[in-house]
Protein backbone atom coordinates (compact mmCIF):
# COMPACT_ATOMS: atom_id res chain seq x y z
CA GLU A 1 0.00 -0.01 -0.01
CA HIS A 2 1.50 3.38 -1.10
CA GLY A 3 4.86 1.69 -1.72
CA TRP A 4 5.51 0.26 1.75
CA PRO A 5 4.49 -2.93 3.48
CA ARG A 6 1.14 -3.23 5.20
CA LEU A 7 0.97 -6.32 7.25
CA LYS A 8 -2.23 -8.28 7.98
CA TRP A 9 -1.67 -10.63 10.96
CA HIS A 10 -3.07 -14.13 11.37
CA LEU A 11 -3.42 -14.37 15.15
CA THR A 12 -1.76 -17.47 16.48
CA SER A 13 -4.32 -17.48 19.39
CA GLN A 14 -7.28 -15.53 20.61
CA PRO A 15 -6.09 -14.39 24.15
CA LYS A 16 -8.40 -12.42 26.42
CA VAL A 17 -7.56 -8.71 26.54
CA SER A 18 -8.19 -6.86 29.80
CA ILE A 19 -8.74 -3.13 28.86
CA ILE A 20 -8.01 -1.04 31.96
CA ILE A 21 -9.46 2.43 31.99
CA PRO A 22 -8.63 4.87 34.81
CA THR A 23 -11.15 7.74 35.15
CA ARG A 24 -12.19 10.41 37.54
CA HIS A 25 -15.88 9.95 36.79
CA ASN A 26 -15.90 11.91 33.51
CA ARG A 27 -19.26 10.52 32.30
CA LYS A 28 -19.24 12.09 28.84
CA LEU A 29 -15.72 10.80 27.91
CA LEU A 30 -16.04 7.44 29.62
CA SER A 31 -19.37 6.61 27.93
CA LYS A 32 -17.96 7.43 24.45
CA CYS A 33 -14.85 5.40 25.12
CA LEU A 34 -16.84 2.32 26.34
CA ARG A 35 -19.25 2.46 23.30
CA SER A 36 -16.36 2.61 20.84
CA ILE A 37 -14.77 -0.43 22.50
CA ALA A 38 -18.07 -2.35 22.09
CA ARG A 39 -17.80 -1.88 18.35
CA SER A 40 -14.52 -3.86 18.20
CA SER A 41 -14.42 -6.85 15.82
CA TYR A 42 -12.33 -8.68 18.29
CA THR A 43 -14.61 -10.21 20.89
CA GLU A 44 -12.29 -11.76 23.54
CA TRP A 45 -11.98 -8.79 25.88
CA GLU A 46 -13.09 -7.40 29.23
CA VAL A 47 -13.16 -3.86 30.56
CA ILE A 48 -12.00 -2.82 33.96
CA VAL A 49 -12.89 0.79 34.95
CA VAL A 50 -10.93 2.26 37.86
CA ASP A 51 -12.68 5.40 39.12
CA SER A 52 -10.72 7.67 41.40
CA ALA A 53 -13.59 10.14 42.26
CA ASP A 54 -15.33 10.00 45.59
CA ARG A 55 -17.71 7.08 45.79
CA ASN A 56 -21.32 7.95 46.29
CA ALA A 57 -24.88 6.68 45.46
CA ASP A 58 -25.23 8.92 42.41
CA ARG A 59 -21.92 7.68 40.88
CA GLU A 60 -22.79 4.14 41.74
CA LYS A 61 -26.14 4.51 39.96
CA TRP A 62 -24.56 5.96 36.78
CA HIS A 63 -22.11 3.13 36.58
CA ALA A 64 -24.80 0.59 37.06
CA GLY A 65 -26.72 2.09 34.16
CA MET A 66 -23.67 2.25 31.99
CA GLN A 67 -22.83 -1.38 32.72
CA THR A 68 -26.18 -2.53 31.13
CA GLN A 69 -24.89 -0.96 27.87
CA VAL A 70 -21.35 -1.98 28.03
CA PRO A 71 -20.46 -4.57 30.69
CA TYR A 72 -17.42 -3.80 32.78
CA LYS A 73 -15.88 -4.41 36.15
CA LEU A 74 -15.87 -1.34 38.36
CA LEU A 75 -13.12 -0.63 40.89
CA TRP A 76 -12.85 2.43 43.16
CA TRP A 77 -9.47 3.94 43.75
CA GLN A 78 -9.19 5.12 47.31
CA GLY A 79 -6.69 7.78 48.55
CA PRO A 80 -4.79 10.46 46.79
CA PHE A 81 -4.97 10.34 43.02
CA ASN A 82 -2.21 8.23 41.51
CA TYR A 83 -2.54 7.34 37.79
CA SER A 84 -0.02 4.60 38.00
CA GLY A 85 -1.57 3.08 41.18
CA ALA A 86 -4.99 3.09 39.48
CA ASN A 87 -3.54 1.20 36.47
CA ASN A 88 -1.76 -1.27 38.71
CA LEU A 89 -5.01 -1.93 40.67
CA GLY A 90 -6.86 -2.70 37.39
CA ALA A 91 -4.03 -5.00 36.37
CA ARG A 92 -4.24 -6.94 39.67
CA GLU A 93 -7.97 -7.55 39.01
CA ALA A 94 -7.61 -8.38 35.37
CA SER A 95 -8.28 -11.91 34.14
CA GLY A 96 -6.88 -11.57 30.60
CA GLU A 97 -3.55 -12.77 29.30
CA VAL A 98 -3.08 -9.39 27.63
CA LEU A 99 -3.35 -5.99 29.25
CA LEU A 100 -4.34 -2.88 27.39
CA PHE A 101 -4.02 0.43 29.26
CA LEU A 102 -6.38 2.92 27.82
CA ASN A 103 -7.28 6.56 28.77
CA ASP A 104 -10.92 7.40 29.27
CA ASP A 105 -10.63 10.29 26.68
CA THR A 106 -9.95 7.87 23.82
CA GLU A 107 -12.13 6.34 21.19
CA PRO A 108 -10.92 3.52 18.98
CA LEU A 109 -11.81 4.51 15.34
CA THR A 110 -11.24 1.14 13.59
CA SER A 111 -13.04 -2.00 14.55
CA ASP A 112 -9.87 -4.12 14.01
CA TRP A 113 -7.70 -2.10 16.33
CA LEU A 114 -7.31 -4.96 18.89
CA GLU A 115 -6.29 -7.42 16.09
CA GLU A 116 -3.80 -4.93 14.72
CA MET A 117 -2.13 -4.55 18.11
CA LEU A 118 -2.35 -8.20 19.08
CA GLY A 119 -0.70 -9.27 15.85
CA TRP A 120 2.40 -7.33 16.76
CA LEU A 121 2.35 -8.45 20.43
CA GLN A 122 2.36 -12.10 19.55
CA GLN A 123 5.70 -11.81 17.83
CA PRO A 124 8.26 -13.16 20.39
CA GLU A 125 10.56 -10.18 20.16
CA ILE A 126 7.81 -7.52 20.93
CA GLY A 127 7.26 -6.35 24.47
CA ALA A 128 4.70 -3.63 24.10
CA VAL A 129 2.47 -2.14 21.35
CA GLY A 130 1.15 1.35 20.84
CA ALA A 131 -1.37 2.89 18.53
CA ARG A 132 -1.59 6.01 16.50
CA LEU A 133 -3.60 8.59 18.38
CA VAL A 134 -5.19 11.41 16.48
CA SER A 135 -6.73 14.72 17.78
CA PRO A 136 -10.33 15.63 17.06
CA ASN A 137 -9.08 17.87 14.28
CA GLY A 138 -7.63 14.75 12.51
CA GLN A 139 -4.00 15.59 13.14
CA ILE A 140 -1.67 13.08 14.70
CA GLN A 141 -1.22 13.51 18.40
CA HIS A 142 1.04 10.40 19.12
CA GLY A 143 3.04 8.22 16.82
CA GLY A 144 5.46 6.91 19.36
CA ASP A 145 7.71 8.54 22.03
CA ILE A 146 11.27 9.78 21.85
CA LEU A 147 13.31 10.21 24.94
CA GLY A 148 14.83 13.71 25.41
CA LEU A 149 12.44 15.33 22.95
CA ASN A 150 11.23 18.64 24.67
CA GLY A 151 12.84 17.51 27.86
CA PHE A 152 11.94 14.18 29.42
CA ALA A 153 10.14 12.65 26.37
CA ASP A 154 7.59 13.64 23.79
CA HIS A 155 5.57 12.33 20.91
CA LEU A 156 6.72 11.89 17.35
CA PHE A 157 4.56 13.41 14.47
CA THR A 158 2.49 15.58 16.70
CA GLY A 159 0.46 18.07 14.46
CA CYS A 160 1.21 16.12 11.25
CA GLN A 161 -1.43 14.80 8.88
CA PRO A 162 -1.91 10.92 8.89
CA ASN A 163 -0.42 10.46 5.50
CA GLU A 164 2.29 13.18 5.68
CA TRP A 165 5.79 12.68 4.59
CA THR A 166 8.30 14.10 7.02
CA LEU A 167 12.04 14.49 7.72
CA ALA A 168 11.73 11.14 9.56
CA GLY A 169 9.97 9.52 6.60
CA SER A 170 6.23 8.67 6.28
CA ALA A 171 3.99 8.90 9.24
CA ASN A 172 2.51 5.66 7.95
CA TRP A 173 5.43 3.49 8.59
CA TYR A 174 5.68 0.95 11.43
CA ARG A 175 8.34 1.83 13.81
CA ASN A 176 10.37 0.74 16.83
CA PHE A 177 10.42 3.28 19.64
CA THR A 178 12.07 3.66 23.01
CA ALA A 179 8.57 4.25 24.51
CA ILE A 180 4.86 4.68 23.79
CA THR A 181 2.24 6.57 25.58
CA GLY A 182 0.17 4.85 28.34
CA ALA A 183 -2.96 6.44 26.82
CA CYS A 184 -3.01 3.30 24.73
CA LEU A 185 -0.42 0.69 25.60
CA MET A 186 -0.65 -3.12 25.16
CA THR A 187 1.52 -5.72 26.75
CA THR A 188 1.26 -9.23 28.17
CA ARG A 189 0.10 -9.74 31.76
CA ALA A 190 3.11 -11.95 32.34
CA LEU A 191 5.68 -9.41 31.36
CA PHE A 192 3.86 -6.64 33.19
CA ASN A 193 3.78 -8.67 36.42
CA ASP A 194 7.41 -9.83 35.97
CA ILE A 195 8.89 -6.31 35.72
CA GLY A 196 6.71 -5.02 38.58
CA GLY A 197 4.01 -2.88 36.82
CA PHE A 198 3.91 0.91 36.75
CA ASP A 199 6.21 2.70 39.22
CA GLU A 200 3.75 4.59 41.47
CA ASN A 201 6.35 7.23 42.32
CA PHE A 202 5.22 8.69 38.99
CA MET A 203 1.77 9.85 40.18
CA LEU A 204 0.56 11.53 37.00
CA CYS A 205 3.03 11.40 34.03
CA GLY A 206 6.14 9.55 33.12
CA SER A 207 5.36 6.03 34.34
CA ASP A 208 4.54 4.88 30.78
CA VAL A 209 8.05 5.88 29.52
CA GLU A 210 9.74 4.42 32.56
CA LEU A 211 7.76 1.16 32.12
CA CYS A 212 8.91 0.91 28.45
CA LEU A 213 12.55 1.43 29.47
CA ARG A 214 12.30 -1.62 31.80
CA ILE A 215 10.72 -3.61 28.89
CA ARG A 216 13.59 -2.51 26.59
CA ARG A 217 16.04 -3.83 29.18
CA ARG A 218 14.64 -7.22 28.62
CA ARG A 219 15.90 -6.88 25.03
CA LEU A 220 12.30 -6.66 23.78
CA ARG A 221 10.99 -4.16 21.19
CA ILE A 222 8.47 -1.40 21.53
CA VAL A 223 6.36 -1.03 18.36
CA CYS A 224 3.86 1.75 17.37
CA THR A 225 1.41 0.87 14.57
CA PRO A 226 -0.21 3.52 12.54
CA TYR A 227 -2.95 1.17 11.51
CA ALA A 228 -4.61 1.04 14.98
CA HIS A 229 -6.38 4.37 14.91
CA VAL A 230 -7.58 5.90 18.28
CA LEU A 231 -9.10 9.35 18.78
CA HIS A 232 -7.52 11.07 21.88
CA HIS A 233 -8.90 14.14 23.48
CA GLU A 234 -5.46 14.83 25.08
CA ARG A 235 -5.51 16.31 28.53
CA ALA A 236 -9.23 15.99 28.77
CA THR A 237 -9.05 13.20 31.28
């Protein structure tokens, strides 16, 4: 396609994917995210929502109503907000062989997004897989992370069009990266547990990059695929 390879994977198995969504009870974003997940063509998944808002009857009632539309397991995060801790809690309660960490301000745009990411993850040299995230205006928001860019780390191709040709080549190429954003990050449960999960010293940002660095120390690759398209209302969470 367009002069470069476009891979279509035949999955070697159909593992259960546990989709872990931290939220602070943002009803509008979370409902859109859940409904978009429900349109996935891959069916072996569960959703675990970790709500860090104060628990009360009104919020319990809303979740109960939402669970009739898209079933999910609800967990309440107690104590000071900690994004890494909320993700770790969701991972401990997950039953899937594969973990997918997903922000509540995302919406998968292609029905085969899970198959696209799983195909890469099932390759023995791959430790984690990320998706292309796009802004509501259609521009790329995340195409992989580079250490040292704008300080600690930042996204490649931010502000580019999906089909744009850049100084780094086409935005439509598969690429290895040092890291990918935790807004949409897939890895195996076994590897995640083995390396100790997210570092909860990173309470808001940075734990995704640090996690990927520990994966890289295992001599495993981090891949971002531009063919898993996910809308991301960045910083709306």
